[in-house]
N, C-alpha and C. Protein backbone atom coordinates (compact mmCIF):
# COMPACT_ATOMS: atom_id res chain seq x y z
N MET A 1 41.67 183.10 169.35
CA MET A 1 41.91 184.38 168.67
C MET A 1 40.62 184.87 168.03
N ALA A 2 40.29 186.14 168.24
CA ALA A 2 39.06 186.67 167.68
C ALA A 2 39.19 186.81 166.18
N SER A 3 38.17 186.47 165.47
CA SER A 3 38.19 186.60 164.02
C SER A 3 38.12 188.07 163.65
N LYS A 4 38.65 188.38 162.46
CA LYS A 4 38.68 189.76 162.01
C LYS A 4 37.27 190.32 161.86
N SER A 5 36.32 189.46 161.52
CA SER A 5 34.96 189.93 161.27
C SER A 5 34.19 190.19 162.56
N THR A 6 34.70 189.69 163.68
CA THR A 6 33.99 189.87 164.94
C THR A 6 34.25 191.23 165.54
N ILE A 7 35.50 191.64 165.57
CA ILE A 7 35.88 192.95 166.12
C ILE A 7 36.87 193.60 165.17
N THR A 8 36.51 194.76 164.69
CA THR A 8 37.39 195.51 163.80
C THR A 8 37.75 196.83 164.47
N ILE A 9 39.03 197.16 164.46
CA ILE A 9 39.51 198.39 165.07
C ILE A 9 40.00 199.33 163.98
N LYS A 10 39.47 200.56 164.01
CA LYS A 10 39.88 201.56 163.04
C LYS A 10 40.37 202.81 163.76
N GLY A 11 41.48 203.34 163.28
CA GLY A 11 42.01 204.56 163.85
C GLY A 11 41.39 205.79 163.20
N ILE A 12 40.99 206.75 164.01
CA ILE A 12 40.49 208.02 163.51
C ILE A 12 41.24 209.13 164.24
N LYS A 13 41.00 210.37 163.82
CA LYS A 13 41.71 211.50 164.41
C LYS A 13 41.47 211.60 165.91
N GLU A 14 40.19 211.27 166.31
CA GLU A 14 39.82 211.42 167.73
C GLU A 14 40.24 210.25 168.59
N GLY A 15 40.64 209.12 168.00
CA GLY A 15 41.00 207.94 168.79
C GLY A 15 40.82 206.66 168.00
N LEU A 16 40.14 205.66 168.59
CA LEU A 16 39.93 204.37 167.95
C LEU A 16 38.44 204.04 167.91
N VAL A 17 38.02 203.47 166.80
CA VAL A 17 36.65 202.99 166.66
C VAL A 17 36.66 201.47 166.71
N PHE A 18 35.87 200.89 167.60
CA PHE A 18 35.72 199.44 167.69
C PHE A 18 34.39 199.07 167.04
N LEU A 19 34.45 198.36 165.94
CA LEU A 19 33.25 197.89 165.25
C LEU A 19 32.97 196.47 165.70
N LEU A 20 31.86 196.27 166.43
CA LEU A 20 31.53 194.96 166.99
C LEU A 20 30.49 194.27 166.12
N ASP A 21 30.78 193.04 165.76
CA ASP A 21 29.87 192.27 164.90
C ASP A 21 28.50 192.14 165.57
N ASP A 22 27.44 192.52 164.86
CA ASP A 22 26.11 192.46 165.45
C ASP A 22 25.39 191.14 165.23
N GLN A 23 26.10 190.16 164.62
CA GLN A 23 25.46 188.88 164.32
C GLN A 23 25.87 187.76 165.27
N VAL A 24 26.93 187.97 166.03
CA VAL A 24 27.41 186.91 166.92
C VAL A 24 26.74 187.03 168.29
N ASP A 25 26.74 185.94 169.03
CA ASP A 25 26.19 185.93 170.38
C ASP A 25 26.93 186.94 171.25
N PHE A 26 26.20 187.66 172.10
CA PHE A 26 26.80 188.74 172.87
C PHE A 26 27.86 188.23 173.84
N VAL A 27 27.61 187.11 174.49
CA VAL A 27 28.60 186.55 175.42
C VAL A 27 29.88 186.18 174.67
N HIS A 28 29.72 185.59 173.49
CA HIS A 28 30.88 185.24 172.67
C HIS A 28 31.62 186.50 172.26
N LEU A 29 30.87 187.57 171.96
CA LEU A 29 31.49 188.83 171.57
C LEU A 29 32.33 189.40 172.71
N LEU A 30 31.83 189.33 173.94
CA LEU A 30 32.60 189.81 175.09
C LEU A 30 33.88 189.02 175.26
N ASP A 31 33.81 187.70 175.06
CA ASP A 31 35.02 186.86 175.16
C ASP A 31 36.04 187.29 174.11
N ASP A 32 35.56 187.53 172.88
CA ASP A 32 36.47 187.95 171.81
C ASP A 32 37.08 189.32 172.11
N LEU A 33 36.27 190.20 172.71
CA LEU A 33 36.77 191.53 173.04
C LEU A 33 37.86 191.45 174.11
N ASN A 34 37.63 190.62 175.13
CA ASN A 34 38.66 190.42 176.16
C ASN A 34 39.94 189.89 175.54
N GLU A 35 39.79 188.90 174.65
CA GLU A 35 40.96 188.30 174.02
C GLU A 35 41.71 189.30 173.16
N LYS A 36 40.94 190.13 172.43
CA LYS A 36 41.56 191.14 171.57
C LYS A 36 42.38 192.13 172.38
N LEU A 37 41.81 192.59 173.50
CA LEU A 37 42.53 193.57 174.33
C LEU A 37 43.74 192.94 175.01
N ASP A 38 43.63 191.67 175.42
CA ASP A 38 44.77 190.99 176.04
C ASP A 38 45.91 190.84 175.03
N LYS A 39 45.56 190.49 173.81
CA LYS A 39 46.58 190.24 172.79
C LYS A 39 47.31 191.52 172.41
N HIS A 40 46.57 192.62 172.34
CA HIS A 40 47.16 193.88 171.88
C HIS A 40 47.36 194.85 173.03
N GLY A 41 47.41 194.34 174.25
CA GLY A 41 47.52 195.21 175.42
C GLY A 41 48.70 196.15 175.35
N GLN A 42 49.84 195.65 174.87
CA GLN A 42 51.04 196.49 174.81
C GLN A 42 50.84 197.68 173.88
N GLN A 43 50.08 197.46 172.81
CA GLN A 43 49.87 198.54 171.84
C GLN A 43 49.00 199.65 172.42
N PHE A 44 48.17 199.32 173.43
CA PHE A 44 47.27 200.29 174.00
C PHE A 44 47.86 201.02 175.19
N ASN A 45 49.06 200.65 175.60
CA ASN A 45 49.69 201.32 176.73
C ASN A 45 50.09 202.75 176.34
N GLY A 46 50.13 203.62 177.30
CA GLY A 46 50.56 204.98 177.02
C GLY A 46 49.49 205.99 177.37
N PRO A 47 49.45 207.09 176.61
CA PRO A 47 48.49 208.17 176.90
C PRO A 47 47.05 207.69 176.77
N ILE A 48 46.13 208.52 177.25
CA ILE A 48 44.71 208.22 177.15
C ILE A 48 44.30 208.10 175.67
N VAL A 49 43.55 207.04 175.37
CA VAL A 49 43.03 206.83 174.02
C VAL A 49 41.51 206.85 174.09
N HIS A 50 40.89 207.68 173.30
CA HIS A 50 39.44 207.76 173.27
C HIS A 50 38.87 206.65 172.39
N ILE A 51 37.88 205.95 172.92
CA ILE A 51 37.30 204.78 172.25
C ILE A 51 35.84 205.07 171.88
N PHE A 52 35.50 204.75 170.64
CA PHE A 52 34.13 204.89 170.14
C PHE A 52 33.66 203.50 169.69
N ILE A 53 32.61 203.00 170.33
CA ILE A 53 32.15 201.64 170.07
C ILE A 53 30.90 201.67 169.21
N LYS A 54 30.93 200.93 168.10
CA LYS A 54 29.81 200.83 167.19
C LYS A 54 29.24 199.42 167.27
N LEU A 55 27.96 199.32 167.61
CA LEU A 55 27.31 198.02 167.80
C LEU A 55 26.60 197.50 166.56
N GLY A 56 26.58 198.27 165.49
CA GLY A 56 25.82 197.87 164.32
C GLY A 56 24.33 197.90 164.63
N SER A 57 23.60 196.89 164.21
CA SER A 57 22.15 196.84 164.46
C SER A 57 21.80 196.28 165.83
N ARG A 58 22.80 195.85 166.58
CA ARG A 58 22.55 195.29 167.92
C ARG A 58 22.06 196.40 168.87
N GLN A 59 20.97 196.11 169.57
CA GLN A 59 20.43 197.04 170.57
C GLN A 59 20.69 196.46 171.96
N LEU A 60 21.36 197.24 172.81
CA LEU A 60 21.72 196.75 174.14
C LEU A 60 21.08 197.58 175.24
N GLU A 61 20.72 196.90 176.32
CA GLU A 61 20.28 197.59 177.53
C GLU A 61 21.51 198.16 178.23
N GLU A 62 21.28 199.09 179.15
CA GLU A 62 22.39 199.76 179.84
C GLU A 62 23.26 198.75 180.61
N GLU A 63 22.63 197.69 181.11
CA GLU A 63 23.39 196.68 181.85
C GLU A 63 24.46 196.02 180.97
N ASP A 64 24.09 195.71 179.72
CA ASP A 64 25.06 195.07 178.82
C ASP A 64 26.11 196.07 178.33
N LYS A 65 25.72 197.33 178.19
CA LYS A 65 26.72 198.35 177.84
C LYS A 65 27.77 198.47 178.94
N GLU A 66 27.31 198.33 180.18
CA GLU A 66 28.24 198.41 181.30
C GLU A 66 29.21 197.24 181.28
N ARG A 67 28.75 196.08 180.82
CA ARG A 67 29.65 194.92 180.70
C ARG A 67 30.75 195.20 179.68
N ILE A 68 30.42 195.94 178.62
CA ILE A 68 31.44 196.32 177.65
C ILE A 68 32.42 197.31 178.28
N ARG A 69 31.88 198.27 179.02
CA ARG A 69 32.76 199.25 179.67
C ARG A 69 33.73 198.57 180.63
N ALA A 70 33.22 197.54 181.32
CA ALA A 70 34.07 196.83 182.29
C ALA A 70 35.25 196.17 181.61
N VAL A 71 35.04 195.66 180.40
CA VAL A 71 36.15 195.04 179.67
C VAL A 71 37.23 196.07 179.37
N PHE A 72 36.82 197.26 178.95
CA PHE A 72 37.79 198.29 178.59
C PHE A 72 38.47 198.90 179.81
N ARG A 73 37.79 198.86 180.95
CA ARG A 73 38.40 199.44 182.15
C ARG A 73 39.64 198.67 182.58
N ARG A 74 39.78 197.45 182.10
CA ARG A 74 40.99 196.68 182.41
C ARG A 74 42.22 197.34 181.83
N GLN A 75 42.02 198.11 180.76
CA GLN A 75 43.11 198.90 180.19
C GLN A 75 42.90 200.34 180.64
N GLY A 76 43.67 200.77 181.60
CA GLY A 76 43.42 202.05 182.25
C GLY A 76 43.45 203.26 181.35
N ASN A 77 44.11 203.17 180.21
CA ASN A 77 44.22 204.35 179.35
C ASN A 77 43.18 204.38 178.24
N LEU A 78 42.26 203.39 178.19
CA LEU A 78 41.22 203.36 177.16
C LEU A 78 39.94 203.98 177.72
N LEU A 79 39.55 205.11 177.20
CA LEU A 79 38.42 205.86 177.72
C LEU A 79 37.27 205.84 176.71
N ILE A 80 36.18 205.16 177.07
CA ILE A 80 35.04 205.05 176.15
C ILE A 80 34.30 206.39 176.07
N GLN A 81 34.14 206.87 174.87
CA GLN A 81 33.41 208.11 174.62
C GLN A 81 31.95 207.86 174.25
N SER A 82 31.69 206.75 173.55
CA SER A 82 30.31 206.47 173.15
C SER A 82 30.15 204.99 172.83
N ILE A 83 28.93 204.50 173.03
CA ILE A 83 28.53 203.15 172.60
C ILE A 83 27.23 203.34 171.82
N GLU A 84 27.29 203.13 170.52
CA GLU A 84 26.16 203.49 169.67
C GLU A 84 25.71 202.32 168.80
N SER A 85 24.40 202.24 168.62
CA SER A 85 23.79 201.30 167.67
C SER A 85 23.30 202.08 166.47
N ASP A 86 23.16 201.39 165.36
CA ASP A 86 22.57 202.03 164.19
C ASP A 86 21.13 202.41 164.50
N PRO A 87 20.63 203.51 163.94
CA PRO A 87 19.22 203.88 164.18
C PRO A 87 18.29 202.77 163.72
N LYS A 88 17.23 202.54 164.49
CA LYS A 88 16.24 201.55 164.10
C LYS A 88 15.49 202.04 162.87
N GLU A 89 15.33 201.15 161.90
CA GLU A 89 14.56 201.51 160.72
C GLU A 89 13.08 201.34 161.02
N GLU A 90 12.31 202.33 160.63
CA GLU A 90 10.87 202.24 160.82
C GLU A 90 10.32 201.19 159.87
N ALA A 91 9.39 200.37 160.35
CA ALA A 91 8.77 199.37 159.50
C ALA A 91 8.16 200.01 158.29
N PRO A 92 8.45 199.41 157.08
CA PRO A 92 7.94 200.02 155.86
C PRO A 92 6.45 200.21 155.84
N ASP A 93 5.69 199.20 156.40
CA ASP A 93 4.24 199.30 156.34
C ASP A 93 3.72 200.43 157.20
N LEU A 94 4.51 200.82 158.30
CA LEU A 94 4.10 201.94 159.12
C LEU A 94 4.52 203.26 158.50
N ALA A 95 5.72 203.23 157.89
CA ALA A 95 6.21 204.45 157.29
C ALA A 95 5.34 204.90 156.15
N SER A 96 4.82 203.96 155.41
CA SER A 96 4.04 204.31 154.23
C SER A 96 2.54 204.27 154.46
N ALA A 97 2.11 203.96 155.69
CA ALA A 97 0.68 203.84 155.94
C ALA A 97 0.00 205.19 155.76
N PRO A 98 -1.05 205.24 154.95
CA PRO A 98 -1.75 206.50 154.75
C PRO A 98 -2.58 206.88 155.97
N THR A 99 -2.90 208.16 156.08
CA THR A 99 -3.79 208.61 157.14
C THR A 99 -5.18 208.02 156.93
N LEU A 100 -5.78 207.55 158.02
CA LEU A 100 -7.12 206.97 157.93
C LEU A 100 -8.12 207.92 158.56
N HIS A 101 -9.09 208.38 157.77
CA HIS A 101 -10.14 209.27 158.24
C HIS A 101 -11.41 208.45 158.47
N LYS A 102 -12.11 208.74 159.57
CA LYS A 102 -13.35 208.04 159.89
C LYS A 102 -14.48 209.05 160.05
N ILE A 103 -15.51 208.90 159.25
CA ILE A 103 -16.62 209.84 159.23
C ILE A 103 -17.92 209.08 159.44
N VAL A 104 -18.81 209.65 160.23
CA VAL A 104 -20.15 209.09 160.43
C VAL A 104 -21.17 210.10 159.89
N GLY A 105 -22.02 209.64 159.00
CA GLY A 105 -23.03 210.54 158.47
C GLY A 105 -23.42 210.18 157.05
N ILE A 106 -24.12 211.09 156.40
CA ILE A 106 -24.59 210.89 155.03
C ILE A 106 -24.00 211.98 154.14
N VAL A 107 -23.46 211.58 153.01
CA VAL A 107 -22.99 212.54 152.01
C VAL A 107 -24.18 212.83 151.10
N ARG A 108 -24.72 214.04 151.24
CA ARG A 108 -25.96 214.36 150.54
C ARG A 108 -25.68 214.98 149.17
N SER A 109 -26.72 215.12 148.38
CA SER A 109 -26.60 215.70 147.04
C SER A 109 -25.98 217.10 147.12
N GLY A 110 -24.97 217.33 146.29
CA GLY A 110 -24.28 218.61 146.27
C GLY A 110 -23.13 218.71 147.25
N GLN A 111 -22.96 217.71 148.10
CA GLN A 111 -21.88 217.72 149.11
C GLN A 111 -20.69 216.92 148.60
N THR A 112 -19.47 217.42 148.87
CA THR A 112 -18.24 216.73 148.47
C THR A 112 -17.32 216.58 149.67
N LEU A 113 -16.86 215.36 149.90
CA LEU A 113 -15.82 215.10 150.91
C LEU A 113 -14.53 214.80 150.19
N GLU A 114 -13.44 215.45 150.59
CA GLU A 114 -12.14 215.22 149.93
C GLU A 114 -11.06 215.11 150.99
N TYR A 115 -10.27 214.02 150.91
CA TYR A 115 -9.23 213.76 151.90
C TYR A 115 -7.98 213.19 151.25
N ASP A 116 -6.85 213.45 151.90
CA ASP A 116 -5.61 212.73 151.58
C ASP A 116 -5.55 211.52 152.50
N GLY A 117 -5.34 210.33 151.94
CA GLY A 117 -5.32 209.10 152.71
C GLY A 117 -6.55 208.27 152.44
N ASP A 118 -6.86 207.37 153.38
CA ASP A 118 -8.01 206.48 153.26
C ASP A 118 -9.20 207.08 154.01
N LEU A 119 -10.40 206.66 153.62
CA LEU A 119 -11.61 207.14 154.29
C LEU A 119 -12.55 205.98 154.56
N ILE A 120 -13.04 205.91 155.80
CA ILE A 120 -14.14 205.02 156.15
C ILE A 120 -15.36 205.90 156.43
N LEU A 121 -16.41 205.70 155.68
CA LEU A 121 -17.66 206.42 155.89
C LEU A 121 -18.69 205.46 156.46
N LEU A 122 -19.13 205.72 157.68
CA LEU A 122 -20.21 204.94 158.28
C LEU A 122 -21.51 205.64 157.96
N GLY A 123 -22.02 205.35 156.77
CA GLY A 123 -23.21 206.02 156.29
C GLY A 123 -23.35 205.84 154.79
N ASP A 124 -24.24 206.61 154.19
CA ASP A 124 -24.54 206.48 152.76
C ASP A 124 -23.95 207.64 151.97
N VAL A 125 -23.79 207.38 150.68
CA VAL A 125 -23.47 208.44 149.72
C VAL A 125 -24.68 208.54 148.80
N ASN A 126 -25.44 209.63 148.93
CA ASN A 126 -26.65 209.80 148.14
C ASN A 126 -26.32 210.23 146.71
N PRO A 127 -27.25 210.03 145.76
CA PRO A 127 -27.04 210.55 144.40
C PRO A 127 -26.74 212.04 144.45
N GLY A 128 -25.71 212.45 143.72
CA GLY A 128 -25.27 213.84 143.75
C GLY A 128 -24.22 214.13 144.80
N GLY A 129 -23.97 213.19 145.71
CA GLY A 129 -22.89 213.32 146.69
C GLY A 129 -21.59 212.76 146.13
N THR A 130 -20.46 213.33 146.58
CA THR A 130 -19.15 212.95 146.01
C THR A 130 -18.12 212.77 147.11
N ILE A 131 -17.30 211.74 146.95
CA ILE A 131 -16.13 211.52 147.81
C ILE A 131 -14.90 211.44 146.91
N ARG A 132 -13.85 212.15 147.30
CA ARG A 132 -12.58 212.10 146.59
C ARG A 132 -11.47 211.88 147.61
N CYS A 133 -10.67 210.82 147.42
CA CYS A 133 -9.58 210.49 148.34
C CYS A 133 -8.36 210.04 147.55
N SER A 134 -7.18 210.29 148.15
CA SER A 134 -5.95 209.82 147.51
C SER A 134 -5.73 208.33 147.74
N GLY A 135 -6.40 207.78 148.76
CA GLY A 135 -6.25 206.36 149.07
C GLY A 135 -7.50 205.58 148.79
N ASN A 136 -7.80 204.61 149.66
CA ASN A 136 -8.98 203.76 149.51
C ASN A 136 -10.20 204.42 150.13
N VAL A 137 -11.38 204.03 149.65
CA VAL A 137 -12.64 204.53 150.21
C VAL A 137 -13.50 203.34 150.62
N TYR A 138 -13.95 203.33 151.87
CA TYR A 138 -14.80 202.27 152.39
C TYR A 138 -16.13 202.90 152.81
N VAL A 139 -17.19 202.55 152.12
CA VAL A 139 -18.52 203.08 152.44
C VAL A 139 -19.31 201.98 153.14
N MET A 140 -19.50 202.14 154.43
CA MET A 140 -20.25 201.15 155.20
C MET A 140 -21.74 201.53 155.16
N GLY A 141 -22.26 201.49 153.97
CA GLY A 141 -23.65 201.88 153.72
C GLY A 141 -23.89 201.79 152.22
N ALA A 142 -24.89 202.52 151.75
CA ALA A 142 -25.24 202.50 150.33
C ALA A 142 -24.46 203.56 149.57
N LEU A 143 -23.81 203.13 148.51
CA LEU A 143 -23.07 204.05 147.65
C LEU A 143 -23.91 204.29 146.39
N ARG A 144 -24.56 205.45 146.35
CA ARG A 144 -25.40 205.79 145.20
C ARG A 144 -24.90 207.04 144.48
N GLY A 145 -23.85 207.64 145.01
CA GLY A 145 -23.30 208.85 144.40
C GLY A 145 -22.02 208.56 143.65
N THR A 146 -21.06 209.48 143.76
CA THR A 146 -19.79 209.40 143.02
C THR A 146 -18.63 209.25 144.00
N VAL A 147 -17.73 208.32 143.71
CA VAL A 147 -16.52 208.14 144.52
C VAL A 147 -15.31 208.09 143.60
N HIS A 148 -14.30 208.88 143.95
CA HIS A 148 -13.03 208.88 143.23
C HIS A 148 -11.94 208.50 144.23
N ALA A 149 -11.42 207.29 144.12
CA ALA A 149 -10.31 206.82 144.97
C ALA A 149 -9.01 206.94 144.19
N GLY A 150 -7.90 207.07 144.91
CA GLY A 150 -6.61 207.20 144.23
C GLY A 150 -6.56 208.44 143.37
N LYS A 151 -7.09 209.56 143.87
CA LYS A 151 -7.25 210.76 143.06
C LYS A 151 -5.93 211.37 142.60
N ASP A 152 -4.84 211.01 143.30
CA ASP A 152 -3.52 211.53 142.91
C ASP A 152 -2.77 210.56 142.00
N GLY A 153 -3.49 209.56 141.48
CA GLY A 153 -2.87 208.65 140.53
C GLY A 153 -2.59 207.26 141.06
N ASN A 154 -3.07 206.95 142.27
CA ASN A 154 -2.84 205.62 142.85
C ASN A 154 -3.79 204.60 142.23
N SER A 155 -3.29 203.84 141.27
CA SER A 155 -4.15 202.87 140.57
C SER A 155 -4.41 201.62 141.38
N ASP A 156 -3.75 201.47 142.55
CA ASP A 156 -3.97 200.31 143.41
C ASP A 156 -5.09 200.56 144.42
N ALA A 157 -5.63 201.76 144.45
CA ALA A 157 -6.70 202.09 145.39
C ALA A 157 -7.95 201.27 145.08
N ILE A 158 -8.79 201.10 146.10
CA ILE A 158 -10.04 200.35 145.93
C ILE A 158 -11.19 201.16 146.50
N ILE A 159 -12.40 200.81 146.08
CA ILE A 159 -13.62 201.41 146.59
C ILE A 159 -14.51 200.28 147.09
N VAL A 160 -14.87 200.34 148.37
CA VAL A 160 -15.68 199.29 149.00
C VAL A 160 -17.03 199.89 149.38
N ALA A 161 -18.08 199.11 149.22
CA ALA A 161 -19.41 199.57 149.64
C ALA A 161 -20.25 198.39 150.09
N SER A 162 -21.09 198.64 151.12
CA SER A 162 -22.03 197.61 151.54
C SER A 162 -23.09 197.38 150.47
N LEU A 163 -23.48 198.47 149.80
CA LEU A 163 -24.43 198.39 148.69
C LEU A 163 -23.88 199.23 147.55
N MET A 164 -23.48 198.58 146.47
CA MET A 164 -22.80 199.26 145.37
C MET A 164 -23.81 199.64 144.28
N ARG A 165 -24.27 200.92 144.33
CA ARG A 165 -25.18 201.45 143.32
C ARG A 165 -24.70 202.84 142.87
N PRO A 166 -23.45 202.96 142.41
CA PRO A 166 -22.87 204.29 142.18
C PRO A 166 -23.43 205.00 140.95
N THR A 167 -23.40 206.32 141.04
CA THR A 167 -23.61 207.12 139.84
C THR A 167 -22.36 207.05 138.97
N GLN A 168 -21.21 207.14 139.63
CA GLN A 168 -19.94 207.00 138.92
C GLN A 168 -18.85 206.58 139.89
N LEU A 169 -17.98 205.69 139.44
CA LEU A 169 -16.78 205.31 140.19
C LEU A 169 -15.56 205.71 139.38
N ARG A 170 -14.54 206.15 140.10
CA ARG A 170 -13.29 206.50 139.43
C ARG A 170 -12.12 206.09 140.32
N ILE A 171 -11.16 205.44 139.73
CA ILE A 171 -9.91 205.08 140.42
C ILE A 171 -8.77 205.61 139.58
N ALA A 172 -7.93 206.47 140.19
CA ALA A 172 -6.87 207.17 139.45
C ALA A 172 -7.54 207.91 138.29
N ASP A 173 -7.19 207.57 137.05
CA ASP A 173 -7.76 208.27 135.90
C ASP A 173 -8.79 207.42 135.16
N VAL A 174 -9.15 206.27 135.73
CA VAL A 174 -10.09 205.36 135.06
C VAL A 174 -11.49 205.57 135.63
N ILE A 175 -12.44 205.85 134.73
CA ILE A 175 -13.83 206.09 135.13
C ILE A 175 -14.65 204.84 134.86
N SER A 176 -15.63 204.61 135.74
CA SER A 176 -16.43 203.39 135.66
C SER A 176 -17.28 203.35 134.41
N ARG A 177 -17.77 202.15 134.13
CA ARG A 177 -18.73 201.95 133.05
C ARG A 177 -20.09 202.51 133.46
N PRO A 178 -21.09 202.53 132.55
CA PRO A 178 -22.41 203.06 132.89
C PRO A 178 -22.98 202.39 134.12
N PRO A 179 -23.77 203.12 134.93
CA PRO A 179 -24.28 202.61 136.22
C PRO A 179 -25.02 201.29 136.12
N ASP A 180 -25.76 201.04 135.02
CA ASP A 180 -26.56 199.83 134.98
C ASP A 180 -25.70 198.58 134.95
N GLU A 181 -24.43 198.73 134.56
CA GLU A 181 -23.55 197.57 134.54
C GLU A 181 -23.06 197.20 135.94
N TRP A 182 -23.30 198.08 136.93
CA TRP A 182 -22.86 197.82 138.29
C TRP A 182 -23.99 197.24 139.15
N THR A 183 -25.17 197.16 138.59
CA THR A 183 -26.31 196.68 139.38
C THR A 183 -26.13 195.24 139.79
N SER A 184 -26.29 194.98 141.07
CA SER A 184 -26.17 193.63 141.60
C SER A 184 -27.23 193.44 142.67
N SER A 185 -27.90 192.30 142.62
CA SER A 185 -28.95 192.02 143.60
C SER A 185 -28.44 191.18 144.77
N GLU A 186 -27.15 190.85 144.74
CA GLU A 186 -26.59 190.00 145.78
C GLU A 186 -26.40 190.81 147.07
N PRO A 187 -26.55 190.15 148.24
CA PRO A 187 -26.53 190.86 149.52
C PRO A 187 -25.14 191.03 150.13
N TRP A 188 -24.08 190.82 149.37
CA TRP A 188 -22.76 190.90 149.97
C TRP A 188 -22.08 192.23 149.65
N MET A 189 -21.07 192.56 150.47
CA MET A 189 -20.28 193.76 150.22
C MET A 189 -19.42 193.55 148.97
N GLU A 190 -19.20 194.63 148.24
CA GLU A 190 -18.42 194.54 147.01
C GLU A 190 -17.34 195.62 147.02
N TYR A 191 -16.37 195.45 146.14
CA TYR A 191 -15.34 196.47 146.00
C TYR A 191 -15.00 196.62 144.52
N ALA A 192 -14.63 197.83 144.16
CA ALA A 192 -14.20 198.14 142.80
C ALA A 192 -12.70 198.32 142.80
N PHE A 193 -12.05 197.88 141.74
CA PHE A 193 -10.60 197.96 141.63
C PHE A 193 -10.23 197.97 140.15
N LEU A 194 -8.99 198.29 139.87
CA LEU A 194 -8.51 198.28 138.49
C LEU A 194 -7.78 196.97 138.22
N ARG A 195 -8.19 196.32 137.15
CA ARG A 195 -7.52 195.10 136.70
C ARG A 195 -7.10 195.32 135.26
N GLU A 196 -5.77 195.41 135.08
CA GLU A 196 -5.20 195.68 133.76
C GLU A 196 -5.80 196.95 133.16
N GLY A 197 -5.95 197.97 134.01
CA GLY A 197 -6.40 199.27 133.53
C GLY A 197 -7.89 199.40 133.33
N THR A 198 -8.66 198.37 133.69
CA THR A 198 -10.11 198.39 133.51
C THR A 198 -10.79 198.26 134.86
N MET A 199 -11.85 199.05 135.06
CA MET A 199 -12.59 198.98 136.31
C MET A 199 -13.31 197.64 136.42
N SER A 200 -13.14 197.00 137.57
CA SER A 200 -13.80 195.72 137.84
C SER A 200 -14.47 195.77 139.19
N ILE A 201 -15.40 194.85 139.42
CA ILE A 201 -16.09 194.76 140.70
C ILE A 201 -16.14 193.31 141.13
N ASP A 202 -16.01 193.07 142.44
CA ASP A 202 -16.02 191.70 142.94
C ASP A 202 -16.50 191.71 144.38
N LYS A 203 -16.80 190.52 144.88
CA LYS A 203 -17.16 190.38 146.28
C LYS A 203 -15.96 190.75 147.16
N LEU A 204 -16.24 191.37 148.30
CA LEU A 204 -15.15 191.79 149.18
C LEU A 204 -14.36 190.60 149.69
N THR A 205 -14.99 189.45 149.79
CA THR A 205 -14.28 188.26 150.26
C THR A 205 -13.20 187.82 149.28
N SER A 206 -13.21 188.38 148.06
CA SER A 206 -12.19 188.04 147.06
C SER A 206 -11.04 189.04 147.07
N LEU A 207 -11.04 189.97 148.02
CA LEU A 207 -10.05 191.04 148.02
C LEU A 207 -8.62 190.52 148.02
N SER A 208 -8.36 189.48 148.81
CA SER A 208 -6.98 189.00 148.95
C SER A 208 -6.42 188.46 147.64
N ARG A 209 -7.26 188.05 146.73
CA ARG A 209 -6.77 187.53 145.46
C ARG A 209 -6.26 188.64 144.55
N GLN A 210 -6.86 189.82 144.66
CA GLN A 210 -6.51 190.92 143.78
C GLN A 210 -5.58 191.94 144.43
N ARG A 211 -5.74 192.14 145.73
CA ARG A 211 -4.97 193.16 146.44
C ARG A 211 -4.43 192.57 147.74
N LYS A 212 -3.44 191.69 147.64
CA LYS A 212 -2.90 191.03 148.82
C LYS A 212 -2.25 192.03 149.77
N GLU A 213 -1.78 193.17 149.22
CA GLU A 213 -1.08 194.14 150.04
C GLU A 213 -2.02 195.04 150.82
N VAL A 214 -3.35 195.02 150.48
CA VAL A 214 -4.30 195.90 151.14
C VAL A 214 -4.68 195.32 152.50
N MET A 215 -4.54 196.12 153.55
CA MET A 215 -4.99 195.73 154.88
C MET A 215 -6.25 196.52 155.16
N LEU A 216 -7.39 195.91 155.11
CA LEU A 216 -8.65 196.60 155.28
C LEU A 216 -8.75 197.23 156.66
N PHE A 217 -9.10 198.52 156.68
CA PHE A 217 -9.25 199.29 157.91
C PHE A 217 -7.93 199.35 158.68
N LYS A 218 -6.83 199.45 157.98
CA LYS A 218 -5.53 199.53 158.62
C LYS A 218 -5.47 200.74 159.53
N GLY A 219 -5.06 200.51 160.75
CA GLY A 219 -4.91 201.61 161.70
C GLY A 219 -6.10 201.79 162.61
N VAL A 220 -7.22 201.05 162.35
CA VAL A 220 -8.40 201.19 163.22
C VAL A 220 -8.14 200.50 164.54
């Protein structure tokens, strides 16, 4: 006997809805469906009954849908109108992934680049040059100008540079300390981020400790 949780039948104005458990093995589900129809065969006799099959999260190829239709064809008056699965949910990381802009060149004095999303700049930001983005900013060159990441209030945004010598850094509403405090003679890439509301800088290799959710160059 099929368990109640495996196949549930509900009456609606248009006919009957068969709710098929999406967690059980498909072959087992077909056996339960056959058994259910055999047991209640007398109740299904009579005029044409329209059947609507709900698969839950189970996704079936047309071949397996035909196997379901074959089970119902044994009852001549049961006419399948639809076999539907729940819509697939888009992966959260794809749904929320920001637009990634890629630029090659130099941001010169007096020039401003502004984007919604993340930005990768293959080049330098000269003194007097400015970048403003709602997401993260990656400067694959010398950062000597001004960068504002998370301009719409995203305090989790980061600023990465091959050479970190900014005039000013800003993340969300937090502005960096004086430039001389950012001076570093080390040859590694660095990134700026907010830690407890204060601008901090660290080696890029330490990114995973502070921003585990950040996927560098996501979408490239």
